[in-house]
PDB file of all heavy atoms in Angstrom:
ATOM      1  N   LYS A   1       0.829  -1.210   0.000  1.00  0.00           N
ATOM      2  CA  LYS A   1       0.000   0.000   0.000  1.00  0.00           C
ATOM      3  C   LYS A   1       0.858   1.253   0.000  1.00  0.00           C
ATOM      4  O   LYS A   1       0.562   2.221  -0.709  1.00  0.00           O
ATOM      5  CB  LYS A   1      -0.946  -0.018   1.199  1.00  0.00           C
ATOM      6  CG  LYS A   1      -2.068  -1.039   1.071  1.00  0.00           C
ATOM      7  CD  LYS A   1      -3.155  -0.852   2.114  1.00  0.00           C
ATOM      8  CE  LYS A   1      -2.705  -1.318   3.463  1.00  0.00           C
ATOM      9  NZ  LYS A   1      -3.826  -1.291   4.459  1.00  0.00           N
ATOM     10  N   ARG A   2       1.939   1.242   0.761  1.00  0.00           N
ATOM     11  CA  ARG A   2       2.822   2.415   0.818  1.00  0.00           C
ATOM     12  C   ARG A   2       3.594   2.597  -0.488  1.00  0.00           C
ATOM     13  O   ARG A   2       3.616   3.687  -1.047  1.00  0.00           O
ATOM     14  CB  ARG A   2       3.808   2.242   1.976  1.00  0.00           C
ATOM     15  CG  ARG A   2       4.798   3.407   2.127  1.00  0.00           C
ATOM     16  CD  ARG A   2       5.962   3.039   3.020  1.00  0.00           C
ATOM     17  NE  ARG A   2       6.748   1.942   2.491  1.00  0.00           N
ATOM     18  CZ  ARG A   2       7.658   2.085   1.522  1.00  0.00           C
ATOM     19  NH1 ARG A   2       7.866   3.288   0.973  1.00  0.00           N
ATOM     20  NH2 ARG A   2       8.345   1.050   1.088  1.00  0.00           N
ATOM     21  N   ARG A   3       4.194   1.536  -0.961  1.00  0.00           N
ATOM     22  CA  ARG A   3       5.074   1.604  -2.135  1.00  0.00           C
ATOM     23  C   ARG A   3       4.315   1.978  -3.405  1.00  0.00           C
ATOM     24  O   ARG A   3       4.824   2.713  -4.251  1.00  0.00           O
ATOM     25  CB  ARG A   3       5.775   0.262  -2.320  1.00  0.00           C
ATOM     26  CG  ARG A   3       6.808   0.237  -3.431  1.00  0.00           C
ATOM     27  CD  ARG A   3       7.403  -1.154  -3.579  1.00  0.00           C
ATOM     28  NE  ARG A   3       8.434  -1.163  -4.601  1.00  0.00           N
ATOM     29  CZ  ARG A   3       9.723  -1.415  -4.381  1.00  0.00           C
ATOM     30  NH1 ARG A   3      10.139  -1.655  -3.152  1.00  0.00           N
ATOM     31  NH2 ARG A   3      10.586  -1.426  -5.374  1.00  0.00           N
ATOM     32  N   TYR A   4       3.060   1.501  -3.526  1.00  0.00           N
ATOM     33  CA  TYR A   4       2.312   1.718  -4.761  1.00  0.00           C
ATOM     34  C   TYR A   4       1.130   2.675  -4.577  1.00  0.00           C
ATOM     35  O   TYR A   4       0.299   2.791  -5.472  1.00  0.00           O
ATOM     36  CB  TYR A   4       1.829   0.372  -5.313  1.00  0.00           C
ATOM     37  CG  TYR A   4       2.973  -0.563  -5.626  1.00  0.00           C
ATOM     38  CD1 TYR A   4       3.397  -1.509  -4.691  1.00  0.00           C
ATOM     39  CD2 TYR A   4       3.659  -0.487  -6.838  1.00  0.00           C
ATOM     40  CE1 TYR A   4       4.457  -2.367  -4.954  1.00  0.00           C
ATOM     41  CE2 TYR A   4       4.725  -1.346  -7.116  1.00  0.00           C
ATOM     42  CZ  TYR A   4       5.122  -2.269  -6.165  1.00  0.00           C
ATOM     43  OH  TYR A   4       6.179  -3.107  -6.432  1.00  0.00           O
ATOM     44  N   SER A   5       1.083   3.339  -3.424  1.00  0.00           N
ATOM     45  CA  SER A   5       0.042   4.344  -3.132  1.00  0.00           C
ATOM     46  C   SER A   5      -1.360   3.772  -3.337  1.00  0.00           C
ATOM     47  O   SER A   5      -2.190   4.346  -4.046  1.00  0.00           O
ATOM     48  CB  SER A   5       0.256   5.591  -4.005  1.00  0.00           C
ATOM     49  OG  SER A   5       1.510   6.173  -3.756  1.00  0.00           O
ATOM     50  N   ILE A   6      -1.602   2.617  -2.750  1.00  0.00           N
ATOM     51  CA  ILE A   6      -2.905   1.956  -2.824  1.00  0.00           C
ATOM     52  C   ILE A   6      -3.568   2.064  -1.451  1.00  0.00           C
ATOM     53  O   ILE A   6      -3.062   1.495  -0.476  1.00  0.00           O
ATOM     54  CB  ILE A   6      -2.765   0.482  -3.227  1.00  0.00           C
ATOM     55  CG1 ILE A   6      -2.059   0.369  -4.583  1.00  0.00           C
ATOM     56  CG2 ILE A   6      -4.130  -0.194  -3.286  1.00  0.00           C
ATOM     57  CD1 ILE A   6      -1.740  -1.058  -4.988  1.00  0.00           C
ATOM     58  N   PRO A   7      -4.667   2.784  -1.334  1.00  0.00           N
ATOM     59  CA  PRO A   7      -5.281   2.988  -0.011  1.00  0.00           C
ATOM     60  C   PRO A   7      -5.943   1.749   0.583  1.00  0.00           C
ATOM     61  O   PRO A   7      -5.952   1.568   1.794  1.00  0.00           O
ATOM     62  CB  PRO A   7      -6.313   4.089  -0.269  1.00  0.00           C
ATOM     63  CG  PRO A   7      -6.608   4.007  -1.728  1.00  0.00           C
ATOM     64  CD  PRO A   7      -5.343   3.579  -2.383  1.00  0.00           C
ATOM     65  N   LYS A   8      -6.492   0.879  -0.266  1.00  0.00           N
ATOM     66  CA  LYS A   8      -7.231  -0.277   0.252  1.00  0.00           C
ATOM     67  C   LYS A   8      -6.970  -1.483  -0.645  1.00  0.00           C
ATOM     68  O   LYS A   8      -6.969  -1.359  -1.879  1.00  0.00           O
ATOM     69  CB  LYS A   8      -8.730   0.038   0.284  1.00  0.00           C
ATOM     70  CG  LYS A   8      -9.564  -0.901   1.135  1.00  0.00           C
ATOM     71  CD  LYS A   8     -11.009  -0.441   1.148  1.00  0.00           C
ATOM     72  CE  LYS A   8     -11.818  -1.173   2.197  1.00  0.00           C
ATOM     73  NZ  LYS A   8     -11.393  -0.896   3.566  1.00  0.00           N
ATOM     74  N   ILE A   9      -6.756  -2.633  -0.032  1.00  0.00           N
ATOM     75  CA  ILE A   9      -6.481  -3.843  -0.799  1.00  0.00           C
ATOM     76  C   ILE A   9      -7.361  -4.998  -0.330  1.00  0.00           C
ATOM     77  O   ILE A   9      -7.903  -4.989   0.774  1.00  0.00           O
ATOM     78  CB  ILE A   9      -5.000  -4.276  -0.674  1.00  0.00           C
ATOM     79  CG1 ILE A   9      -4.653  -4.564   0.792  1.00  0.00           C
ATOM     80  CG2 ILE A   9      -4.084  -3.248  -1.291  1.00  0.00           C
ATOM     81  CD1 ILE A   9      -3.277  -5.179   0.983  1.00  0.00           C
ATOM     82  N   SER A  10      -7.495  -5.991  -1.186  1.00  0.00           N
ATOM     83  CA  SER A  10      -8.102  -7.270  -0.843  1.00  0.00           C
ATOM     84  C   SER A  10      -7.205  -8.357  -1.401  1.00  0.00           C
ATOM     85  O   SER A  10      -6.263  -8.068  -2.158  1.00  0.00           O
ATOM     86  CB  SER A  10      -9.514  -7.391  -1.417  1.00  0.00           C
ATOM     87  OG  SER A  10     -10.429  -6.613  -0.670  1.00  0.00           O
ATOM     88  N   TRP A  11      -7.496  -9.599  -1.065  1.00  0.00           N
ATOM     89  CA  TRP A  11      -6.630 -10.673  -1.527  1.00  0.00           C
ATOM     90  C   TRP A  11      -7.401 -11.978  -1.646  1.00  0.00           C
ATOM     91  O   TRP A  11      -8.460 -12.149  -1.069  1.00  0.00           O
ATOM     92  CB  TRP A  11      -5.435 -10.851  -0.590  1.00  0.00           C
ATOM     93  CG  TRP A  11      -5.791 -11.169   0.829  1.00  0.00           C
ATOM     94  CD1 TRP A  11      -5.887 -12.405   1.407  1.00  0.00           C
ATOM     95  CD2 TRP A  11      -6.127 -10.233   1.861  1.00  0.00           C
ATOM     96  NE1 TRP A  11      -6.259 -12.291   2.724  1.00  0.00           N
ATOM     97  CE2 TRP A  11      -6.397 -10.975   3.036  1.00  0.00           C
ATOM     98  CE3 TRP A  11      -6.210  -8.842   1.905  1.00  0.00           C
ATOM     99  CZ2 TRP A  11      -6.765 -10.364   4.228  1.00  0.00           C
ATOM    100  CZ3 TRP A  11      -6.571  -8.237   3.093  1.00  0.00           C
ATOM    101  CH2 TRP A  11      -6.835  -8.992   4.241  1.00  0.00           C
ATOM    102  N   MET A  12      -6.822 -12.877  -2.425  1.00  0.00           N
ATOM    103  CA  MET A  12      -7.383 -14.209  -2.625  1.00  0.00           C
ATOM    104  C   MET A  12      -6.253 -15.224  -2.567  1.00  0.00           C
ATOM    105  O   MET A  12      -5.120 -14.920  -2.944  1.00  0.00           O
ATOM    106  CB  MET A  12      -8.077 -14.323  -3.985  1.00  0.00           C
ATOM    107  CG  MET A  12      -9.349 -13.539  -4.126  1.00  0.00           C
ATOM    108  SD  MET A  12     -10.106 -13.783  -5.769  1.00  0.00           S
ATOM    109  CE  MET A  12     -10.380 -15.570  -5.763  1.00  0.00           C
ATOM    110  N   ALA A  13      -6.577 -16.439  -2.111  1.00  0.00           N
ATOM    111  CA  ALA A  13      -5.594 -17.513  -2.034  1.00  0.00           C
ATOM    112  C   ALA A  13      -6.168 -18.780  -2.656  1.00  0.00           C
ATOM    113  O   ALA A  13      -7.337 -19.099  -2.428  1.00  0.00           O
ATOM    114  CB  ALA A  13      -5.204 -17.785  -0.582  1.00  0.00           C
ATOM    115  N   PRO A  14      -5.385 -19.511  -3.440  1.00  0.00           N
ATOM    116  CA  PRO A  14      -5.878 -20.773  -4.000  1.00  0.00           C
ATOM    117  C   PRO A  14      -6.295 -21.732  -2.890  1.00  0.00           C
ATOM    118  O   PRO A  14      -5.577 -21.893  -1.899  1.00  0.00           O
ATOM    119  CB  PRO A  14      -4.668 -21.324  -4.764  1.00  0.00           C
ATOM    120  CG  PRO A  14      -3.813 -20.135  -5.024  1.00  0.00           C
ATOM    121  CD  PRO A  14      -4.003 -19.230  -3.858  1.00  0.00           C
ATOM    122  N   GLY A  15      -7.460 -22.348  -3.049  1.00  0.00           N
ATOM    123  CA  GLY A  15      -7.929 -23.302  -2.060  1.00  0.00           C
ATOM    124  C   GLY A  15      -8.681 -22.685  -0.904  1.00  0.00           C
ATOM    125  O   GLY A  15      -9.234 -23.396  -0.069  1.00  0.00           O
ATOM    126  N   SER A  16      -8.723 -21.343  -0.847  1.00  0.00           N
ATOM    127  CA  SER A  16      -9.469 -20.671   0.209  1.00  0.00           C
ATOM    128  C   SER A  16     -10.901 -20.460  -0.275  1.00  0.00           C
ATOM    129  O   SER A  16     -11.130 -19.947  -1.364  1.00  0.00           O
ATOM    130  CB  SER A  16      -8.824 -19.319   0.531  1.00  0.00           C
ATOM    131  OG  SER A  16      -9.564 -18.623   1.519  1.00  0.00           O
ATOM    132  N   GLY A  17     -11.876 -20.854   0.547  1.00  0.00           N
ATOM    133  CA  GLY A  17     -13.257 -20.817   0.093  1.00  0.00           C
ATOM    134  C   GLY A  17     -13.603 -22.126  -0.588  1.00  0.00           C
ATOM    135  O   GLY A  17     -12.834 -23.088  -0.566  1.00  0.00           O
ATOM    136  N   ASP A  18     -14.761 -22.196  -1.209  1.00  0.00           N
ATOM    137  CA  ASP A  18     -15.159 -23.405  -1.923  1.00  0.00           C
ATOM    138  C   ASP A  18     -14.189 -23.685  -3.075  1.00  0.00           C
ATOM    139  O   ASP A  18     -13.551 -22.775  -3.603  1.00  0.00           O
ATOM    140  CB  ASP A  18     -16.577 -23.258  -2.475  1.00  0.00           C
ATOM    141  CG  ASP A  18     -17.628 -23.389  -1.378  1.00  0.00           C
ATOM    142  OD1 ASP A  18     -17.254 -23.582  -0.211  1.00  0.00           O
ATOM    143  OD2 ASP A  18     -18.826 -23.287  -1.691  1.00  0.00           O
ATOM    144  N   ALA A  19     -14.128 -24.952  -3.479  1.00  0.00           N
ATOM    145  CA  ALA A  19     -13.154 -25.364  -4.489  1.00  0.00           C
ATOM    146  C   ALA A  19     -13.287 -24.581  -5.793  1.00  0.00           C
ATOM    147  O   ALA A  19     -12.300 -24.345  -6.490  1.00  0.00           O
ATOM    148  CB  ALA A  19     -13.298 -26.858  -4.764  1.00  0.00           C
ATOM    149  N   SER A  20     -14.503 -24.155  -6.126  1.00  0.00           N
ATOM    150  CA  SER A  20     -14.717 -23.454  -7.393  1.00  0.00           C
ATOM    151  C   SER A  20     -14.254 -21.995  -7.368  1.00  0.00           C
ATOM    152  O   SER A  20     -14.165 -21.360  -8.414  1.00  0.00           O
ATOM    153  CB  SER A  20     -16.210 -23.491  -7.754  1.00  0.00           C
ATOM    154  OG  SER A  20     -16.979 -22.834  -6.754  1.00  0.00           O
ATOM    155  N   VAL A  21     -13.960 -21.464  -6.186  1.00  0.00           N
ATOM    156  CA  VAL A  21     -13.550 -20.057  -6.092  1.00  0.00           C
ATOM    157  C   VAL A  21     -12.199 -19.850  -6.760  1.00  0.00           C
ATOM    158  O   VAL A  21     -12.023 -18.946  -7.586  1.00  0.00           O
ATOM    159  CB  VAL A  21     -13.496 -19.608  -4.614  1.00  0.00           C
ATOM    160  CG1 VAL A  21     -12.917 -18.199  -4.499  1.00  0.00           C
ATOM    161  CG2 VAL A  21     -14.894 -19.642  -4.008  1.00  0.00           C
ATOM    162  N   TRP A  22     -11.220 -20.676  -6.391  1.00  0.00           N
ATOM    163  CA  TRP A  22      -9.904 -20.672  -7.030  1.00  0.00           C
ATOM    164  C   TRP A  22      -9.235 -21.977  -6.634  1.00  0.00           C
ATOM    165  O   TRP A  22      -8.811 -22.121  -5.500  1.00  0.00           O
ATOM    166  CB  TRP A  22      -9.079 -19.472  -6.587  1.00  0.00           C
ATOM    167  CG  TRP A  22      -7.812 -19.269  -7.378  1.00  0.00           C
ATOM    168  CD1 TRP A  22      -7.472 -19.875  -8.549  1.00  0.00           C
ATOM    169  CD2 TRP A  22      -6.726 -18.389  -7.052  1.00  0.00           C
ATOM    170  NE1 TRP A  22      -6.246 -19.442  -8.981  1.00  0.00           N
ATOM    171  CE2 TRP A  22      -5.763 -18.531  -8.086  1.00  0.00           C
ATOM    172  CE3 TRP A  22      -6.476 -17.515  -6.003  1.00  0.00           C
ATOM    173  CZ2 TRP A  22      -4.565 -17.806  -8.082  1.00  0.00           C
ATOM    174  CZ3 TRP A  22      -5.289 -16.798  -6.001  1.00  0.00           C
ATOM    175  CH2 TRP A  22      -4.353 -16.936  -7.030  1.00  0.00           C
ATOM    176  N   PRO A  23      -9.181 -22.965  -7.529  1.00  0.00           N
ATOM    177  CA  PRO A  23      -8.681 -24.303  -7.185  1.00  0.00           C
ATOM    178  C   PRO A  23      -7.284 -24.279  -6.581  1.00  0.00           C
ATOM    179  O   PRO A  23      -6.421 -23.509  -7.018  1.00  0.00           O
ATOM    180  CB  PRO A  23      -8.697 -25.034  -8.533  1.00  0.00           C
ATOM    181  CG  PRO A  23      -9.725 -24.311  -9.343  1.00  0.00           C
ATOM    182  CD  PRO A  23      -9.619 -22.877  -8.920  1.00  0.00           C
ATOM    183  N   ILE A  24      -7.046 -25.149  -5.617  1.00  0.00           N
ATOM    184  CA  ILE A  24      -5.771 -25.143  -4.907  1.00  0.00           C
ATOM    185  C   ILE A  24      -4.599 -25.537  -5.793  1.00  0.00           C
ATOM    186  O   ILE A  24      -3.457 -25.130  -5.551  1.00  0.00           O
ATOM    187  CB  ILE A  24      -5.847 -26.067  -3.670  1.00  0.00           C
ATOM    188  CG1 ILE A  24      -4.681 -25.787  -2.722  1.00  0.00           C
ATOM    189  CG2 ILE A  24      -5.911 -27.538  -4.086  1.00  0.00           C
ATOM    190  CD1 ILE A  24      -4.801 -26.445  -1.375  1.00  0.00           C
ATOM    191  N   ASN A  25      -4.858 -26.310  -6.864  1.00  0.00           N
ATOM    192  CA  ASN A  25      -3.738 -26.692  -7.732  1.00  0.00           C
ATOM    193  C   ASN A  25      -3.177 -25.521  -8.539  1.00  0.00           C
ATOM    194  O   ASN A  25      -2.143 -25.649  -9.195  1.00  0.00           O
ATOM    195  CB  ASN A  25      -4.130 -27.850  -8.661  1.00  0.00           C
ATOM    196  CG  ASN A  25      -5.309 -27.514  -9.562  1.00  0.00           C
ATOM    197  OD1 ASN A  25      -5.750 -26.366  -9.627  1.00  0.00           O
ATOM    198  ND2 ASN A  25      -5.827 -28.521 -10.246  1.00  0.00           N
ATOM    199  N   GLU A  26      -3.851 -24.363  -8.474  1.00  0.00           N
ATOM    200  CA  GLU A  26      -3.320 -23.158  -9.120  1.00  0.00           C
ATOM    201  C   GLU A  26      -2.084 -22.630  -8.384  1.00  0.00           C
ATOM    202  O   GLU A  26      -1.409 -21.724  -8.856  1.00  0.00           O
ATOM    203  CB  GLU A  26      -4.400 -22.070  -9.156  1.00  0.00           C
ATOM    204  CG  GLU A  26      -5.606 -22.416 -10.019  1.00  0.00           C
ATOM    205  CD  GLU A  26      -5.395 -22.042 -11.480  1.00  0.00           C
ATOM    206  OE1 GLU A  26      -5.405 -20.845 -11.779  1.00  0.00           O
ATOM    207  OE2 GLU A  26      -5.209 -22.959 -12.292  1.00  0.00           O
ATOM    208  N   GLN A  27      -1.799 -23.217  -7.213  1.00  0.00           N
ATOM    209  CA  GLN A  27      -0.583 -22.856  -6.479  1.00  0.00           C
ATOM    210  C   GLN A  27       0.655 -22.994  -7.360  1.00  0.00           C
ATOM    211  O   GLN A  27       1.609 -22.217  -7.249  1.00  0.00           O
ATOM    212  CB  GLN A  27      -0.414 -23.785  -5.266  1.00  0.00           C
ATOM    213  CG  GLN A  27      -1.419 -23.590  -4.171  1.00  0.00           C
ATOM    214  CD  GLN A  27      -0.938 -22.588  -3.127  1.00  0.00           C
ATOM    215  OE1 GLN A  27      -0.375 -21.560  -3.472  1.00  0.00           O
ATOM    216  NE2 GLN A  27      -1.169 -22.897  -1.886  1.00  0.00           N
ATOM    217  N   THR A  28       0.657 -24.015  -8.214  1.00  0.00           N
ATOM    218  CA  THR A  28       1.843 -24.271  -9.033  1.00  0.00           C
ATOM    219  C   THR A  28       2.137 -23.093  -9.964  1.00  0.00           C
ATOM    220  O   THR A  28       3.299 -22.811 -10.266  1.00  0.00           O
ATOM    221  CB  THR A  28       1.662 -25.550  -9.870  1.00  0.00           C
ATOM    222  OG1 THR A  28       0.485 -25.429 -10.689  1.00  0.00           O
ATOM    223  CG2 THR A  28       1.507 -26.766  -8.972  1.00  0.00           C
ATOM    224  N   LYS A  29       1.095 -22.398 -10.413  1.00  0.00           N
ATOM    225  CA  LYS A  29       1.296 -21.247 -11.290  1.00  0.00           C
ATOM    226  C   LYS A  29       1.880 -20.068 -10.521  1.00  0.00           C
ATOM    227  O   LYS A  29       2.678 -19.299 -11.060  1.00  0.00           O
ATOM    228  CB  LYS A  29      -0.025 -20.857 -11.955  1.00  0.00           C
ATOM    229  CG  LYS A  29      -0.601 -21.928 -12.860  1.00  0.00           C
ATOM    230  CD  LYS A  29      -1.946 -21.518 -13.433  1.00  0.00           C
ATOM    231  CE  LYS A  29      -2.531 -22.604 -14.305  1.00  0.00           C
ATOM    232  NZ  LYS A  29      -3.877 -22.244 -14.846  1.00  0.00           N
ATOM    233  N   LEU A  30       1.453 -19.924  -9.273  1.00  0.00           N
ATOM    234  CA  LEU A  30       2.009 -18.861  -8.435  1.00  0.00           C
ATOM    235  C   LEU A  30       3.491 -19.095  -8.188  1.00  0.00           C
ATOM    236  O   LEU A  30       4.319 -18.214  -8.413  1.00  0.00           O
ATOM    237  CB  LEU A  30       1.272 -18.796  -7.099  1.00  0.00           C
ATOM    238  CG  LEU A  30      -0.085 -18.097  -7.060  1.00  0.00           C
ATOM    239  CD1 LEU A  30      -0.729 -18.296  -5.689  1.00  0.00           C
ATOM    240  CD2 LEU A  30       0.056 -16.617  -7.344  1.00  0.00           C
ATOM    241  N   PHE A  31       3.821 -20.298  -7.713  1.00  0.00           N
ATOM    242  CA  PHE A  31       5.205 -20.603  -7.359  1.00  0.00           C
ATOM    243  C   PHE A  31       6.117 -20.697  -8.579  1.00  0.00           C
ATOM    244  O   PHE A  31       7.223 -20.152  -8.582  1.00  0.00           O
ATOM    245  CB  PHE A  31       5.261 -21.922  -6.578  1.00  0.00           C
ATOM    246  CG  PHE A  31       4.999 -21.772  -5.106  1.00  0.00           C
ATOM    247  CD1 PHE A  31       3.727 -21.454  -4.643  1.00  0.00           C
ATOM    248  CD2 PHE A  31       6.010 -21.958  -4.181  1.00  0.00           C
ATOM    249  CE1 PHE A  31       3.479 -21.315  -3.283  1.00  0.00           C
ATOM    250  CE2 PHE A  31       5.773 -21.818  -2.819  1.00  0.00           C
ATOM    251  CZ  PHE A  31       4.500 -21.498  -2.365  1.00  0.00           C
ATOM    252  N   GLY A  32       5.655 -21.407  -9.612  1.00  0.00           N
ATOM    253  CA  GLY A  32       6.532 -21.688 -10.736  1.00  0.00           C
ATOM    254  C   GLY A  32       6.619 -20.608 -11.783  1.00  0.00           C
ATOM    255  O   GLY A  32       7.639 -20.496 -12.472  1.00  0.00           O
ATOM    256  N   GLN A  33       5.543 -19.800 -11.935  1.00  0.00           N
ATOM    257  CA  GLN A  33       5.533 -18.810 -13.015  1.00  0.00           C
ATOM    258  C   GLN A  33       5.472 -17.367 -12.503  1.00  0.00           C
ATOM    259  O   GLN A  33       6.374 -16.583 -12.751  1.00  0.00           O
ATOM    260  CB  GLN A  33       4.358 -19.108 -13.953  1.00  0.00           C
ATOM    261  CG  GLN A  33       4.513 -20.454 -14.673  1.00  0.00           C
ATOM    262  CD  GLN A  33       3.265 -20.860 -15.425  1.00  0.00           C
ATOM    263  OE1 GLN A  33       2.382 -21.491 -14.886  1.00  0.00           O
ATOM    264  NE2 GLN A  33       3.199 -20.503 -16.692  1.00  0.00           N
ATOM    265  N   LEU A  34       4.427 -17.022 -11.792  1.00  0.00           N
ATOM    266  CA  LEU A  34       4.279 -15.624 -11.378  1.00  0.00           C
ATOM    267  C   LEU A  34       5.347 -15.184 -10.380  1.00  0.00           C
ATOM    268  O   LEU A  34       5.761 -14.023 -10.370  1.00  0.00           O
ATOM    269  CB  LEU A  34       2.885 -15.392 -10.801  1.00  0.00           C
ATOM    270  CG  LEU A  34       1.726 -15.534 -11.791  1.00  0.00           C
ATOM    271  CD1 LEU A  34       0.398 -15.238 -11.113  1.00  0.00           C
ATOM    272  CD2 LEU A  34       1.921 -14.606 -12.991  1.00  0.00           C
ATOM    273  N   LEU A  35       5.805 -16.113  -9.532  1.00  0.00           N
ATOM    274  CA  LEU A  35       6.880 -15.785  -8.596  1.00  0.00           C
ATOM    275  C   LEU A  35       8.219 -16.359  -9.045  1.00  0.00           C
ATOM    276  O   LEU A  35       9.176 -16.425  -8.273  1.00  0.00           O
ATOM    277  CB  LEU A  35       6.521 -16.285  -7.190  1.00  0.00           C
ATOM    278  CG  LEU A  35       5.364 -15.522  -6.515  1.00  0.00           C
ATOM    279  CD1 LEU A  35       4.973 -16.189  -5.204  1.00  0.00           C
ATOM    280  CD2 LEU A  35       5.725 -14.061  -6.283  1.00  0.00           C
ATOM    281  N   GLY A  36       8.273 -16.744 -10.301  1.00  0.00           N
ATOM    282  CA  GLY A  36       9.548 -17.066 -10.935  1.00  0.00           C
ATOM    283  C   GLY A  36      10.291 -18.285 -10.438  1.00  0.00           C
ATOM    284  O   GLY A  36      11.479 -18.454 -10.731  1.00  0.00           O
ATOM    285  N   GLY A  37       9.637 -19.154  -9.669  1.00  0.00           N
ATOM    286  CA  GLY A  37      10.317 -20.355  -9.206  1.00  0.00           C
ATOM    287  C   GLY A  37      11.405 -20.092  -8.171  1.00  0.00           C
ATOM    288  O   GLY A  37      12.281 -20.945  -7.967  1.00  0.00           O
ATOM    289  N   ILE A  38      11.357 -18.931  -7.504  1.00  0.00           N
ATOM    290  CA  ILE A  38      12.434 -18.581  -6.567  1.00  0.00           C
ATOM    291  C   ILE A  38      11.935 -18.446  -5.125  1.00  0.00           C
ATOM    292  O   ILE A  38      12.625 -17.895  -4.270  1.00  0.00           O
ATOM    293  CB  ILE A  38      13.141 -17.284  -6.991  1.00  0.00           C
ATOM    294  CG1 ILE A  38      12.163 -16.098  -6.976  1.00  0.00           C
ATOM    295  CG2 ILE A  38      13.764 -17.436  -8.373  1.00  0.00           C
ATOM    296  CD1 ILE A  38      12.855 -14.755  -7.166  1.00  0.00           C
ATOM    297  N   VAL A  39      10.728 -18.929  -4.851  1.00  0.00           N
ATOM    298  CA  VAL A  39      10.169 -18.795  -3.499  1.00  0.00           C
ATOM    299  C   VAL A  39      10.994 -19.568  -2.480  1.00  0.00           C
ATOM    300  O   VAL A  39      11.375 -19.042  -1.430  1.00  0.00           O
ATOM    301  CB  VAL A  39       8.704 -19.267  -3.467  1.00  0.00           C
ATOM    302  CG1 VAL A  39       8.162 -19.210  -2.047  1.00  0.00           C
ATOM    303  CG2 VAL A  39       7.843 -18.407  -4.381  1.00  0.00           C
TER     304      VAL A  39
END
């Protein structure tokens, strides 16, 4: 919020909520692609 001057944020996590909200196996895309495999 400070770095990008965003006053309010929300968030989502794979597997949080019912399975259809965001499937937990989407974790692999976060770790391997969007976060560059360096977590």
